[in-house]
Amino acid sequence: MPLIKVQTSIPTPETPQVEAMLKGLSSSLASHLGKSEAYVMTAFESNVPMTFGGTTEPVCYIEIKSVGSMGGTKTQAMSQDFCTQIETQLGVPKNRTYIEFADAKGAMWGWNGRTFG
């Protein structure tokens, strides 16, 4: 049920680097939310035409969605963690990364032919 989706303007890194990054993000998201990693989904999209602050310098947009409440201290910790991971893995500076956190109601999230609510 948790999802972390990364979109970035940078060229696609080598497959092993992308896979390692996604596995790290998956593990971190499960840990931050206290949920089993068995339900975490990750997605990565590169070469997305994007601007930030009026420039086309490297930029990143991250969506984090989960059933239940993420709230203040969790989102603060996740923002710090994921911005650091993206800067380390992709070279996109923290100040050029936006993260959208979205709590989903169980009835609005489907899996395995049913919903979580």
PDB file of N, CA and C in Angstrom:
ATOM      1  N   MET A   1       0.799  -1.197   0.000  1.00  0.00           N
ATOM      2  CA  MET A   1       0.000   0.000   0.000  1.00  0.00           C
ATOM      3  C   MET A   1       0.839   1.257   0.000  1.00  0.00           C
ATOM      4  N   PRO A   2       2.016   1.315   0.639  1.00  0.00           N
ATOM      5  CA  PRO A   2       2.831   2.515   0.464  1.00  0.00           C
ATOM      6  C   PRO A   2       3.450   2.532  -0.938  1.00  0.00           C
ATOM      7  N   LEU A   3       3.543   3.720  -1.493  1.00  0.00           N
ATOM      8  CA  LEU A   3       4.141   3.926  -2.811  1.00  0.00           C
ATOM      9  C   LEU A   3       5.100   5.090  -2.731  1.00  0.00           C
ATOM     10  N   ILE A   4       6.262   4.921  -3.353  1.00  0.00           N
ATOM     11  CA  ILE A   4       7.172   6.043  -3.548  1.00  0.00           C
ATOM     12  C   ILE A   4       7.533   6.065  -5.027  1.00  0.00           C
ATOM     13  N   LYS A   5       7.224   7.203  -5.659  1.00  0.00           N
ATOM     14  CA  LYS A   5       7.448   7.380  -7.090  1.00  0.00           C
ATOM     15  C   LYS A   5       8.386   8.560  -7.280  1.00  0.00           C
ATOM     16  N   VAL A   6       9.456   8.340  -8.027  1.00  0.00           N
ATOM     17  CA  VAL A   6      10.469   9.359  -8.261  1.00  0.00           C
ATOM     18  C   VAL A   6      10.452   9.737  -9.742  1.00  0.00           C
ATOM     19  N   GLN A   7      10.295  11.016 -10.016  1.00  0.00           N
ATOM     20  CA  GLN A   7      10.409  11.543 -11.371  1.00  0.00           C
ATOM     21  C   GLN A   7      11.547  12.550 -11.363  1.00  0.00           C
ATOM     22  N   THR A   8      12.392  12.475 -12.393  1.00  0.00           N
ATOM     23  CA  THR A   8      13.531  13.373 -12.443  1.00  0.00           C
ATOM     24  C   THR A   8      13.871  13.755 -13.878  1.00  0.00           C
ATOM     25  N   SER A   9      14.536  14.875 -14.006  1.00  0.00           N
ATOM     26  CA  SER A   9      14.933  15.367 -15.324  1.00  0.00           C
ATOM     27  C   SER A   9      16.257  14.769 -15.797  1.00  0.00           C
ATOM     28  N   ILE A  10      16.973  14.111 -14.919  1.00  0.00           N
ATOM     29  CA  ILE A  10      18.296  13.601 -15.293  1.00  0.00           C
ATOM     30  C   ILE A  10      18.181  12.407 -16.241  1.00  0.00           C
ATOM     31  N   PRO A  11      19.232  12.154 -17.009  1.00  0.00           N
ATOM     32  CA  PRO A  11      19.244  10.965 -17.866  1.00  0.00           C
ATOM     33  C   PRO A  11      19.171   9.688 -17.028  1.00  0.00           C
ATOM     34  N   THR A  12      18.706   8.627 -17.626  1.00  0.00           N
ATOM     35  CA  THR A  12      18.542   7.360 -16.923  1.00  0.00           C
ATOM     36  C   THR A  12      19.896   6.791 -16.507  1.00  0.00           C
ATOM     37  N   PRO A  13      20.083   6.558 -15.204  1.00  0.00           N
ATOM     38  CA  PRO A  13      21.314   5.913 -14.737  1.00  0.00           C
ATOM     39  C   PRO A  13      21.343   4.439 -15.173  1.00  0.00           C
ATOM     40  N   GLU A  14      22.453   3.804 -14.963  1.00  0.00           N
ATOM     41  CA  GLU A  14      22.583   2.372 -15.265  1.00  0.00           C
ATOM     42  C   GLU A  14      21.572   1.587 -14.425  1.00  0.00           C
ATOM     43  N   THR A  15      21.074   0.480 -14.974  1.00  0.00           N
ATOM     44  CA  THR A  15      20.050  -0.332 -14.317  1.00  0.00           C
ATOM     45  C   THR A  15      20.436  -0.752 -12.895  1.00  0.00           C
ATOM     46  N   PRO A  16      21.657  -1.236 -12.654  1.00  0.00           N
ATOM     47  CA  PRO A  16      21.993  -1.623 -11.270  1.00  0.00           C
ATOM     48  C   PRO A  16      21.879  -0.463 -10.275  1.00  0.00           C
ATOM     49  N   GLN A  17      22.229   0.761 -10.711  1.00  0.00           N
ATOM     50  CA  GLN A  17      22.130   1.927  -9.834  1.00  0.00           C
ATOM     51  C   GLN A  17      20.663   2.228  -9.530  1.00  0.00           C
ATOM     52  N   VAL A  18      19.806   2.156 -10.544  1.00  0.00           N
ATOM     53  CA  VAL A  18      18.375   2.413 -10.341  1.00  0.00           C
ATOM     54  C   VAL A  18      17.790   1.367  -9.403  1.00  0.00           C
ATOM     55  N   GLU A  19      18.103   0.104  -9.633  1.00  0.00           N
ATOM     56  CA  GLU A  19      17.570  -0.960  -8.787  1.00  0.00           C
ATOM     57  C   GLU A  19      18.027  -0.815  -7.343  1.00  0.00           C
ATOM     58  N   ALA A  20      19.283  -0.472  -7.133  1.00  0.00           N
ATOM     59  CA  ALA A  20      19.799  -0.280  -5.771  1.00  0.00           C
ATOM     60  C   ALA A  20      19.096   0.890  -5.091  1.00  0.00           C
ATOM     61  N   MET A  21      18.882   1.982  -5.834  1.00  0.00           N
ATOM     62  CA  MET A  21      18.195   3.139  -5.274  1.00  0.00           C
ATOM     63  C   MET A  21      16.767   2.775  -4.879  1.00  0.00           C
ATOM     64  N   LEU A  22      16.041   2.094  -5.767  1.00  0.00           N
ATOM     65  CA  LEU A  22      14.656   1.727  -5.483  1.00  0.00           C
ATOM     66  C   LEU A  22      14.557   0.787  -4.290  1.00  0.00           C
ATOM     67  N   LYS A  23      15.481  -0.141  -4.179  1.00  0.00           N
ATOM     68  CA  LYS A  23      15.478  -1.051  -3.027  1.00  0.00           C
ATOM     69  C   LYS A  23      15.739  -0.287  -1.734  1.00  0.00           C
ATOM     70  N   GLY A  24      16.649   0.681  -1.782  1.00  0.00           N
ATOM     71  CA  GLY A  24      16.913   1.506  -0.605  1.00  0.00           C
ATOM     72  C   GLY A  24      15.720   2.348  -0.213  1.00  0.00           C
ATOM     73  N   LEU A  25      15.049   2.948  -1.201  1.00  0.00           N
ATOM     74  CA  LEU A  25      13.856   3.749  -0.936  1.00  0.00           C
ATOM     75  C   LEU A  25      12.742   2.880  -0.359  1.00  0.00           C
ATOM     76  N   SER A  26      12.582   1.675  -0.902  1.00  0.00           N
ATOM     77  CA  SER A  26      11.551   0.752  -0.420  1.00  0.00           C
ATOM     78  C   SER A  26      11.766   0.398   1.042  1.00  0.00           C
ATOM     79  N   SER A  27      12.982   0.029   1.367  1.00  0.00           N
ATOM     80  CA  SER A  27      13.309  -0.332   2.750  1.00  0.00           C
ATOM     81  C   SER A  27      13.094   0.845   3.696  1.00  0.00           C
ATOM     82  N   SER A  28      13.542   2.023   3.277  1.00  0.00           N
ATOM     83  CA  SER A  28      13.392   3.217   4.117  1.00  0.00           C
ATOM     84  C   SER A  28      11.927   3.574   4.328  1.00  0.00           C
ATOM     85  N   LEU A  29      11.120   3.501   3.266  1.00  0.00           N
ATOM     86  CA  LEU A  29       9.715   3.847   3.388  1.00  0.00           C
ATOM     87  C   LEU A  29       9.004   2.898   4.343  1.00  0.00           C
ATOM     88  N   ALA A  30       9.270   1.616   4.218  1.00  0.00           N
ATOM     89  CA  ALA A  30       8.669   0.636   5.123  1.00  0.00           C
ATOM     90  C   ALA A  30       9.052   0.946   6.570  1.00  0.00           C
ATOM     91  N   SER A  31      10.303   1.270   6.788  1.00  0.00           N
ATOM     92  CA  SER A  31      10.783   1.578   8.134  1.00  0.00           C
ATOM     93  C   SER A  31      10.124   2.839   8.695  1.00  0.00           C
ATOM     94  N   HIS A  32      10.068   3.902   7.894  1.00  0.00           N
ATOM     95  CA  HIS A  32       9.450   5.154   8.346  1.00  0.00           C
ATOM     96  C   HIS A  32       7.984   4.969   8.717  1.00  0.00           C
ATOM     97  N   LEU A  33       7.288   4.135   7.945  1.00  0.00           N
ATOM     98  CA  LEU A  33       5.851   3.969   8.158  1.00  0.00           C
ATOM     99  C   LEU A  33       5.506   2.827   9.098  1.00  0.00           C
ATOM    100  N   GLY A  34       6.496   2.024   9.455  1.00  0.00           N
ATOM    101  CA  GLY A  34       6.237   0.876  10.331  1.00  0.00           C
ATOM    102  C   GLY A  34       5.367  -0.172   9.652  1.00  0.00           C
ATOM    103  N   LYS A  35       5.532  -0.290   8.327  1.00  0.00           N
ATOM    104  CA  LYS A  35       4.737  -1.252   7.567  1.00  0.00           C
ATOM    105  C   LYS A  35       5.661  -2.273   6.917  1.00  0.00           C
ATOM    106  N   SER A  36       5.106  -3.419   6.583  1.00  0.00           N
ATOM    107  CA  SER A  36       5.882  -4.468   5.929  1.00  0.00           C
ATOM    108  C   SER A  36       6.334  -4.009   4.546  1.00  0.00           C
ATOM    109  N   GLU A  37       7.589  -4.259   4.244  1.00  0.00           N
ATOM    110  CA  GLU A  37       8.107  -3.911   2.925  1.00  0.00           C
ATOM    111  C   GLU A  37       7.445  -4.750   1.833  1.00  0.00           C
ATOM    112  N   ALA A  38       6.818  -5.851   2.212  1.00  0.00           N
ATOM    113  CA  ALA A  38       6.141  -6.716   1.248  1.00  0.00           C
ATOM    114  C   ALA A  38       5.053  -5.960   0.475  1.00  0.00           C
ATOM    115  N   TYR A  39       4.558  -4.853   1.019  1.00  0.00           N
ATOM    116  CA  TYR A  39       3.494  -4.081   0.374  1.00  0.00           C
ATOM    117  C   TYR A  39       3.981  -2.785  -0.263  1.00  0.00           C
ATOM    118  N   VAL A  40       5.256  -2.475  -0.159  1.00  0.00           N
ATOM    119  CA  VAL A  40       5.789  -1.213  -0.684  1.00  0.00           C
ATOM    120  C   VAL A  40       6.054  -1.336  -2.184  1.00  0.00           C
ATOM    121  N   MET A  41       5.601  -0.334  -2.939  1.00  0.00           N
ATOM    122  CA  MET A  41       5.882  -0.256  -4.374  1.00  0.00           C
ATOM    123  C   MET A  41       6.755   0.965  -4.629  1.00  0.00           C
ATOM    124  N   THR A  42       7.716   0.804  -5.539  1.00  0.00           N
ATOM    125  CA  THR A  42       8.560   1.921  -5.948  1.00  0.00           C
ATOM    126  C   THR A  42       8.440   2.095  -7.459  1.00  0.00           C
ATOM    127  N   ALA A  43       8.642   3.306  -7.928  1.00  0.00           N
ATOM    128  CA  ALA A  43       8.639   3.584  -9.361  1.00  0.00           C
ATOM    129  C   ALA A  43       9.659   4.680  -9.643  1.00  0.00           C
ATOM    130  N   PHE A  44      10.260   4.615 -10.814  1.00  0.00           N
ATOM    131  CA  PHE A  44      11.280   5.596 -11.198  1.00  0.00           C
ATOM    132  C   PHE A  44      11.078   5.979 -12.657  1.00  0.00           C
ATOM    133  N   GLU A  45      11.090   7.276 -12.898  1.00  0.00           N
ATOM    134  CA  GLU A  45      10.945   7.805 -14.247  1.00  0.00           C
ATOM    135  C   GLU A  45      11.992   8.894 -14.439  1.00  0.00           C
ATOM    136  N   SER A  46      12.841   8.722 -15.434  1.00  0.00           N
ATOM    137  CA  SER A  46      13.895   9.702 -15.703  1.00  0.00           C
ATOM    138  C   SER A  46      13.638  10.370 -17.057  1.00  0.00           C
ATOM    139  N   ASN A  47      14.488  11.330 -17.379  1.00  0.00           N
ATOM    140  CA  ASN A  47      14.374  12.083 -18.637  1.00  0.00           C
ATOM    141  C   ASN A  47      13.036  12.804 -18.774  1.00  0.00           C
ATOM    142  N   VAL A  48      12.441  13.193 -17.649  1.00  0.00           N
ATOM    143  CA  VAL A  48      11.167  13.914 -17.681  1.00  0.00           C
ATOM    144  C   VAL A  48      11.474  15.403 -17.891  1.00  0.00           C
ATOM    145  N   PRO A  49      10.906  16.023 -18.923  1.00  0.00           N
ATOM    146  CA  PRO A  49      11.121  17.465 -19.088  1.00  0.00           C
ATOM    147  C   PRO A  49      10.539  18.205 -17.878  1.00  0.00           C
ATOM    148  N   MET A  50      11.373  18.918 -17.153  1.00  0.00           N
ATOM    149  CA  MET A  50      10.962  19.592 -15.924  1.00  0.00           C
ATOM    150  C   MET A  50      11.743  20.889 -15.773  1.00  0.00           C
ATOM    151  N   THR A  51      11.137  21.828 -15.052  1.00  0.00           N
ATOM    152  CA  THR A  51      11.854  23.029 -14.623  1.00  0.00           C
ATOM    153  C   THR A  51      11.612  23.220 -13.137  1.00  0.00           C
ATOM    154  N   PHE A  52      12.478  23.967 -12.511  1.00  0.00           N
ATOM    155  CA  PHE A  52      12.319  24.366 -11.107  1.00  0.00           C
ATOM    156  C   PHE A  52      13.000  25.709 -10.984  1.00  0.00           C
ATOM    157  N   GLY A  53      12.295  26.673 -10.446  1.00  0.00           N
ATOM    158  CA  GLY A  53      12.868  28.013 -10.305  1.00  0.00           C
ATOM    159  C   GLY A  53      13.218  28.640 -11.642  1.00  0.00           C
ATOM    160  N   GLY A  54      12.521  28.212 -12.690  1.00  0.00           N
ATOM    161  CA  GLY A  54      12.748  28.788 -14.002  1.00  0.00           C
ATOM    162  C   GLY A  54      13.947  28.247 -14.753  1.00  0.00           C
ATOM    163  N   THR A  55      14.592  27.188 -14.228  1.00  0.00           N
ATOM    164  CA  THR A  55      15.739  26.613 -14.925  1.00  0.00           C
ATOM    165  C   THR A  55      15.507  25.122 -15.183  1.00  0.00           C
ATOM    166  N   THR A  56      16.306  24.583 -16.078  1.00  0.00           N
ATOM    167  CA  THR A  56      16.242  23.152 -16.393  1.00  0.00           C
ATOM    168  C   THR A  56      17.387  22.373 -15.752  1.00  0.00           C
ATOM    169  N   GLU A  57      18.041  22.983 -14.767  1.00  0.00           N
ATOM    170  CA  GLU A  57      19.056  22.240 -14.014  1.00  0.00           C
ATOM    171  C   GLU A  57      18.401  20.988 -13.431  1.00  0.00           C
ATOM    172  N   PRO A  58      19.181  19.949 -13.072  1.00  0.00           N
ATOM    173  CA  PRO A  58      18.587  18.711 -12.552  1.00  0.00           C
ATOM    174  C   PRO A  58      17.570  18.970 -11.439  1.00  0.00           C
ATOM    175  N   VAL A  59      16.428  18.286 -11.535  1.00  0.00           N
ATOM    176  CA  VAL A  59      15.323  18.461 -10.604  1.00  0.00           C
ATOM    177  C   VAL A  59      14.653  17.114 -10.364  1.00  0.00           C
ATOM    178  N   CYS A  60      13.962  17.010  -9.232  1.00  0.00           N
ATOM    179  CA  CYS A  60      13.312  15.754  -8.873  1.00  0.00           C
ATOM    180  C   CYS A  60      11.981  16.032  -8.180  1.00  0.00           C
ATOM    181  N   TYR A  61      10.994  15.194  -8.485  1.00  0.00           N
ATOM    182  CA  TYR A  61       9.694  15.247  -7.833  1.00  0.00           C
ATOM    183  C   TYR A  61       9.402  13.847  -7.303  1.00  0.00           C
ATOM    184  N   ILE A  62       9.025  13.762  -6.032  1.00  0.00           N
ATOM    185  CA  ILE A  62       8.750  12.479  -5.387  1.00  0.00           C
ATOM    186  C   ILE A  62       7.333  12.483  -4.852  1.00  0.00           C
ATOM    187  N   GLU A  63       6.599  11.412  -5.121  1.00  0.00           N
ATOM    188  CA  GLU A  63       5.273  11.211  -4.535  1.00  0.00           C
ATOM    189  C   GLU A  63       5.374  10.075  -3.533  1.00  0.00           C
ATOM    190  N   ILE A  64       4.837  10.301  -2.348  1.00  0.00           N
ATOM    191  CA  ILE A  64       4.754   9.249  -1.338  1.00  0.00           C
ATOM    192  C   ILE A  64       3.303   9.147  -0.912  1.00  0.00           C
ATOM    193  N   LYS A  65       2.729   7.967  -1.119  1.00  0.00           N
ATOM    194  CA  LYS A  65       1.335   7.727  -0.772  1.00  0.00           C
ATOM    195  C   LYS A  65       1.256   6.511   0.135  1.00  0.00           C
ATOM    196  N   SER A  66       0.320   6.563   1.078  1.00  0.00           N
ATOM    197  CA  SER A  66       0.143   5.447   1.997  1.00  0.00           C
ATOM    198  C   SER A  66      -1.256   5.498   2.594  1.00  0.00           C
ATOM    199  N   VAL A  67      -1.786   4.326   2.894  1.00  0.00           N
ATOM    200  CA  VAL A  67      -3.058   4.242   3.607  1.00  0.00           C
ATOM    201  C   VAL A  67      -2.777   4.551   5.067  1.00  0.00           C
ATOM    202  N   GLY A  68      -3.493   5.513   5.609  1.00  0.00           N
ATOM    203  CA  GLY A  68      -3.278   5.915   6.999  1.00  0.00           C
ATOM    204  C   GLY A  68      -2.598   7.263   7.065  1.00  0.00           C
ATOM    205  N   SER A  69      -2.383   7.730   8.260  1.00  0.00           N
ATOM    206  CA  SER A  69      -1.839   9.061   8.479  1.00  0.00           C
ATOM    207  C   SER A  69      -0.327   9.042   8.586  1.00  0.00           C
ATOM    208  N   MET A  70       0.319   9.909   7.817  1.00  0.00           N
ATOM    209  CA  MET A  70       1.776  10.037   7.919  1.00  0.00           C
ATOM    210  C   MET A  70       2.137  11.122   8.924  1.00  0.00           C
ATOM    211  N   GLY A  71       1.460  12.256   8.909  1.00  0.00           N
ATOM    212  CA  GLY A  71       1.644  13.300   9.916  1.00  0.00           C
ATOM    213  C   GLY A  71       3.014  13.939  10.004  1.00  0.00           C
ATOM    214  N   GLY A  72       3.072  15.055  10.741  1.00  0.00           N
ATOM    215  CA  GLY A  72       4.207  15.954  10.889  1.00  0.00           C
ATOM    216  C   GLY A  72       5.593  15.395  11.091  1.00  0.00           C
ATOM    217  N   THR A  73       5.831  14.682  12.181  1.00  0.00           N
ATOM    218  CA  THR A  73       7.198  14.224  12.449  1.00  0.00           C
ATOM    219  C   THR A  73       7.628  13.150  11.459  1.00  0.00           C
ATOM    220  N   LYS A  74       6.701  12.307  11.014  1.00  0.00           N
ATOM    221  CA  LYS A  74       7.045  11.285  10.021  1.00  0.00           C
ATOM    222  C   LYS A  74       7.433  11.929   8.698  1.00  0.00           C
ATOM    223  N   THR A  75       6.648  12.884   8.235  1.00  0.00           N
ATOM    224  CA  THR A  75       6.948  13.492   6.946  1.00  0.00           C
ATOM    225  C   THR A  75       8.232  14.320   6.999  1.00  0.00           C
ATOM    226  N   GLN A  76       8.490  14.946   8.117  1.00  0.00           N
ATOM    227  CA  GLN A  76       9.735  15.705   8.281  1.00  0.00           C
ATOM    228  C   GLN A  76      10.947  14.780   8.165  1.00  0.00           C
ATOM    229  N   ALA A  77      10.888  13.639   8.859  1.00  0.00           N
ATOM    230  CA  ALA A  77      11.988  12.670   8.815  1.00  0.00           C
ATOM    231  C   ALA A  77      12.131  12.070   7.415  1.00  0.00           C
ATOM    232  N   MET A  78      10.999  11.770   6.774  1.00  0.00           N
ATOM    233  CA  MET A  78      11.054  11.201   5.428  1.00  0.00           C
ATOM    234  C   MET A  78      11.614  12.200   4.427  1.00  0.00           C
ATOM    235  N   SER A  79      11.236  13.463   4.547  1.00  0.00           N
ATOM    236  CA  SER A  79      11.749  14.482   3.643  1.00  0.00           C
ATOM    237  C   SER A  79      13.269  14.553   3.725  1.00  0.00           C
ATOM    238  N   GLN A  80      13.783  14.596   4.927  1.00  0.00           N
ATOM    239  CA  GLN A  80      15.234  14.643   5.117  1.00  0.00           C
ATOM    240  C   GLN A  80      15.904  13.401   4.534  1.00  0.00           C
ATOM    241  N   ASP A  81      15.375  12.225   4.862  1.00  0.00           N
ATOM    242  CA  ASP A  81      15.950  10.957   4.415  1.00  0.00           C
ATOM    243  C   ASP A  81      15.918  10.830   2.896  1.00  0.00           C
ATOM    244  N   PHE A  82      14.749  11.031   2.289  1.00  0.00           N
ATOM    245  CA  PHE A  82      14.624  10.801   0.856  1.00  0.00           C
ATOM    246  C   PHE A  82      15.347  11.862   0.025  1.00  0.00           C
ATOM    247  N   CYS A  83      15.362  13.104   0.481  1.00  0.00           N
ATOM    248  CA  CYS A  83      16.139  14.124  -0.224  1.00  0.00           C
ATOM    249  C   CYS A  83      17.629  13.783  -0.193  1.00  0.00           C
ATOM    250  N   THR A  84      18.098  13.283   0.933  1.00  0.00           N
ATOM    251  CA  THR A  84      19.502  12.875   1.046  1.00  0.00           C
ATOM    252  C   THR A  84      19.793  11.695   0.130  1.00  0.00           C
ATOM    253  N   GLN A  85      18.911  10.694   0.127  1.00  0.00           N
ATOM    254  CA  GLN A  85      19.125   9.534  -0.740  1.00  0.00           C
ATOM    255  C   GLN A  85      19.164   9.935  -2.215  1.00  0.00           C
ATOM    256  N   ILE A  86      18.249  10.796  -2.625  1.00  0.00           N
ATOM    257  CA  ILE A  86      18.198  11.232  -4.024  1.00  0.00           C
ATOM    258  C   ILE A  86      19.440  12.042  -4.391  1.00  0.00           C
ATOM    259  N   GLU A  87      19.864  12.907  -3.486  1.00  0.00           N
ATOM    260  CA  GLU A  87      21.075  13.686  -3.754  1.00  0.00           C
ATOM    261  C   GLU A  87      22.289  12.766  -3.887  1.00  0.00           C
ATOM    262  N   THR A  88      22.391  11.778  -3.019  1.00  0.00           N
ATOM    263  CA  THR A  88      23.513  10.838  -3.050  1.00  0.00           C
ATOM    264  C   THR A  88      23.467   9.947  -4.288  1.00  0.00           C
ATOM    265  N   GLN A  89      22.296   9.398  -4.575  1.00  0.00           N
ATOM    266  CA  GLN A  89      22.162   8.433  -5.668  1.00  0.00           C
ATOM    267  C   GLN A  89      22.110   9.072  -7.057  1.00  0.00           C
ATOM    268  N   LEU A  90      21.432  10.211  -7.182  1.00  0.00           N
ATOM    269  CA  LEU A  90      21.213  10.807  -8.499  1.00  0.00           C
ATOM    270  C   LEU A  90      21.932  12.131  -8.714  1.00  0.00           C
ATOM    271  N   GLY A  91      22.418  12.730  -7.629  1.00  0.00           N
ATOM    272  CA  GLY A  91      23.108  14.007  -7.756  1.00  0.00           C
ATOM    273  C   GLY A  91      22.187  15.211  -7.862  1.00  0.00           C
ATOM    274  N   VAL A  92      20.889  15.010  -7.591  1.00  0.00           N
ATOM    275  CA  VAL A  92      19.954  16.137  -7.619  1.00  0.00           C
ATOM    276  C   VAL A  92      19.981  16.804  -6.240  1.00  0.00           C
ATOM    277  N   PRO A  93      20.334  18.079  -6.169  1.00  0.00           N
ATOM    278  CA  PRO A  93      20.416  18.751  -4.872  1.00  0.00           C
ATOM    279  C   PRO A  93      19.084  18.740  -4.115  1.00  0.00           C
ATOM    280  N   LYS A  94      19.192  18.706  -2.795  1.00  0.00           N
ATOM    281  CA  LYS A  94      17.998  18.708  -1.935  1.00  0.00           C
ATOM    282  C   LYS A  94      17.093  19.899  -2.225  1.00  0.00           C
ATOM    283  N   ASN A  95      17.694  21.039  -2.522  1.00  0.00           N
ATOM    284  CA  ASN A  95      16.882  22.239  -2.745  1.00  0.00           C
ATOM    285  C   ASN A  95      16.259  22.282  -4.142  1.00  0.00           C
ATOM    286  N   ARG A  96      16.410  21.194  -4.904  1.00  0.00           N
ATOM    287  CA  ARG A  96      15.751  21.077  -6.205  1.00  0.00           C
ATOM    288  C   ARG A  96      14.866  19.829  -6.239  1.00  0.00           C
ATOM    289  N   THR A  97      14.427  19.411  -5.058  1.00  0.00           N
ATOM    290  CA  THR A  97      13.557  18.238  -4.930  1.00  0.00           C
ATOM    291  C   THR A  97      12.307  18.616  -4.146  1.00  0.00           C
ATOM    292  N   TYR A  98      11.159  18.328  -4.727  1.00  0.00           N
ATOM    293  CA  TYR A  98       9.883  18.466  -4.039  1.00  0.00           C
ATOM    294  C   TYR A  98       9.361  17.079  -3.706  1.00  0.00           C
ATOM    295  N   ILE A  99       8.709  16.963  -2.551  1.00  0.00           N
ATOM    296  CA  ILE A  99       8.070  15.709  -2.160  1.00  0.00           C
ATOM    297  C   ILE A  99       6.618  16.004  -1.820  1.00  0.00           C
ATOM    298  N   GLU A 100       5.722  15.219  -2.401  1.00  0.00           N
ATOM    299  CA  GLU A 100       4.303  15.304  -2.074  1.00  0.00           C
ATOM    300  C   GLU A 100       3.935  14.078  -1.237  1.00  0.00           C
ATOM    301  N   PHE A 101       3.420  14.320  -0.037  1.00  0.00           N
ATOM    302  CA  PHE A 101       2.944  13.250   0.845  1.00  0.00           C
ATOM    303  C   PHE A 101       1.423  13.213   0.751  1.00  0.00           C
ATOM    304  N   ALA A 102       0.864  12.035   0.526  1.00  0.00           N
ATOM    305  CA  ALA A 102      -0.584  11.916   0.410  1.00  0.00           C
ATOM    306  C   ALA A 102      -1.083  10.711   1.191  1.00  0.00           C
ATOM    307  N   ASP A 103      -1.946  10.977   2.159  1.00  0.00           N
ATOM    308  CA  ASP A 103      -2.614   9.903   2.900  1.00  0.00           C
ATOM    309  C   ASP A 103      -3.799   9.429   2.068  1.00  0.00           C
ATOM    310  N   ALA A 104      -3.929   8.143   1.912  1.00  0.00           N
ATOM    311  CA  ALA A 104      -5.055   7.576   1.158  1.00  0.00           C
ATOM    312  C   ALA A 104      -6.000   6.859   2.117  1.00  0.00           C
ATOM    313  N   LYS A 105      -7.288   6.995   1.867  1.00  0.00           N
ATOM    314  CA  LYS A 105      -8.268   6.227   2.634  1.00  0.00           C
ATOM    315  C   LYS A 105      -8.232   4.795   2.117  1.00  0.00           C
ATOM    316  N   GLY A 106      -8.410   3.846   3.008  1.00  0.00           N
ATOM    317  CA  GLY A 106      -8.345   2.437   2.634  1.00  0.00           C
ATOM    318  C   GLY A 106      -9.256   2.070   1.481  1.00  0.00           C
ATOM    319  N   ALA A 107     -10.447   2.658   1.441  1.00  0.00           N
ATOM    320  CA  ALA A 107     -11.402   2.359   0.378  1.00  0.00           C
ATOM    321  C   ALA A 107     -10.958   2.920  -0.970  1.00  0.00           C
ATOM    322  N   MET A 108      -9.975   3.811  -0.967  1.00  0.00           N
ATOM    323  CA  MET A 108      -9.509   4.440  -2.196  1.00  0.00           C
ATOM    324  C   MET A 108      -8.197   3.844  -2.701  1.00  0.00           C
ATOM    325  N   TRP A 109      -7.790   2.707  -2.133  1.00  0.00           N
ATOM    326  CA  TRP A 109      -6.529   2.065  -2.516  1.00  0.00           C
ATOM    327  C   TRP A 109      -6.819   0.589  -2.750  1.00  0.00           C
ATOM    328  N   GLY A 110      -6.631   0.133  -3.979  1.00  0.00           N
ATOM    329  CA  GLY A 110      -6.954  -1.244  -4.318  1.00  0.00           C
ATOM    330  C   GLY A 110      -5.728  -2.121  -4.444  1.00  0.00           C
ATOM    331  N   TRP A 111      -5.930  -3.401  -4.190  1.00  0.00           N
ATOM    332  CA  TRP A 111      -4.863  -4.398  -4.327  1.00  0.00           C
ATOM    333  C   TRP A 111      -5.493  -5.782  -4.327  1.00  0.00           C
ATOM    334  N   ASN A 112      -5.015  -6.647  -5.178  1.00  0.00           N
ATOM    335  CA  ASN A 112      -5.416  -8.043  -5.169  1.00  0.00           C
ATOM    336  C   ASN A 112      -6.932  -8.228  -5.326  1.00  0.00           C
ATOM    337  N   GLY A 113      -7.540  -7.357  -6.119  1.00  0.00           N
ATOM    338  CA  GLY A 113      -8.971  -7.466  -6.382  1.00  0.00           C
ATOM    339  C   GLY A 113      -9.883  -6.939  -5.292  1.00  0.00           C
ATOM    340  N   ARG A 114      -9.315  -6.238  -4.336  1.00  0.00           N
ATOM    341  CA  ARG A 114     -10.136  -5.650  -3.272  1.00  0.00           C
ATOM    342  C   ARG A 114      -9.503  -4.328  -2.841  1.00  0.00           C
ATOM    343  N   THR A 115     -10.036  -3.701  -1.810  1.00  0.00           N
ATOM    344  CA  THR A 115      -9.441  -2.470  -1.287  1.00  0.00           C
ATOM    345  C   THR A 115      -9.031  -2.689   0.165  1.00  0.00           C
ATOM    346  N   PHE A 116      -8.330  -1.701   0.705  1.00  0.00           N
ATOM    347  CA  PHE A 116      -7.877  -1.781   2.104  1.00  0.00           C
ATOM    348  C   PHE A 116      -8.895  -1.221   3.075  1.00  0.00           C
ATOM    349  N   GLY A 117     -10.081  -0.851   2.604  1.00  0.00           N
ATOM    350  CA  GLY A 117     -11.071  -0.293   3.523  1.00  0.00           C
ATOM    351  C   GLY A 117     -12.475  -0.698   3.210  1.00  0.00           C
TER     352      GLY A 117
END
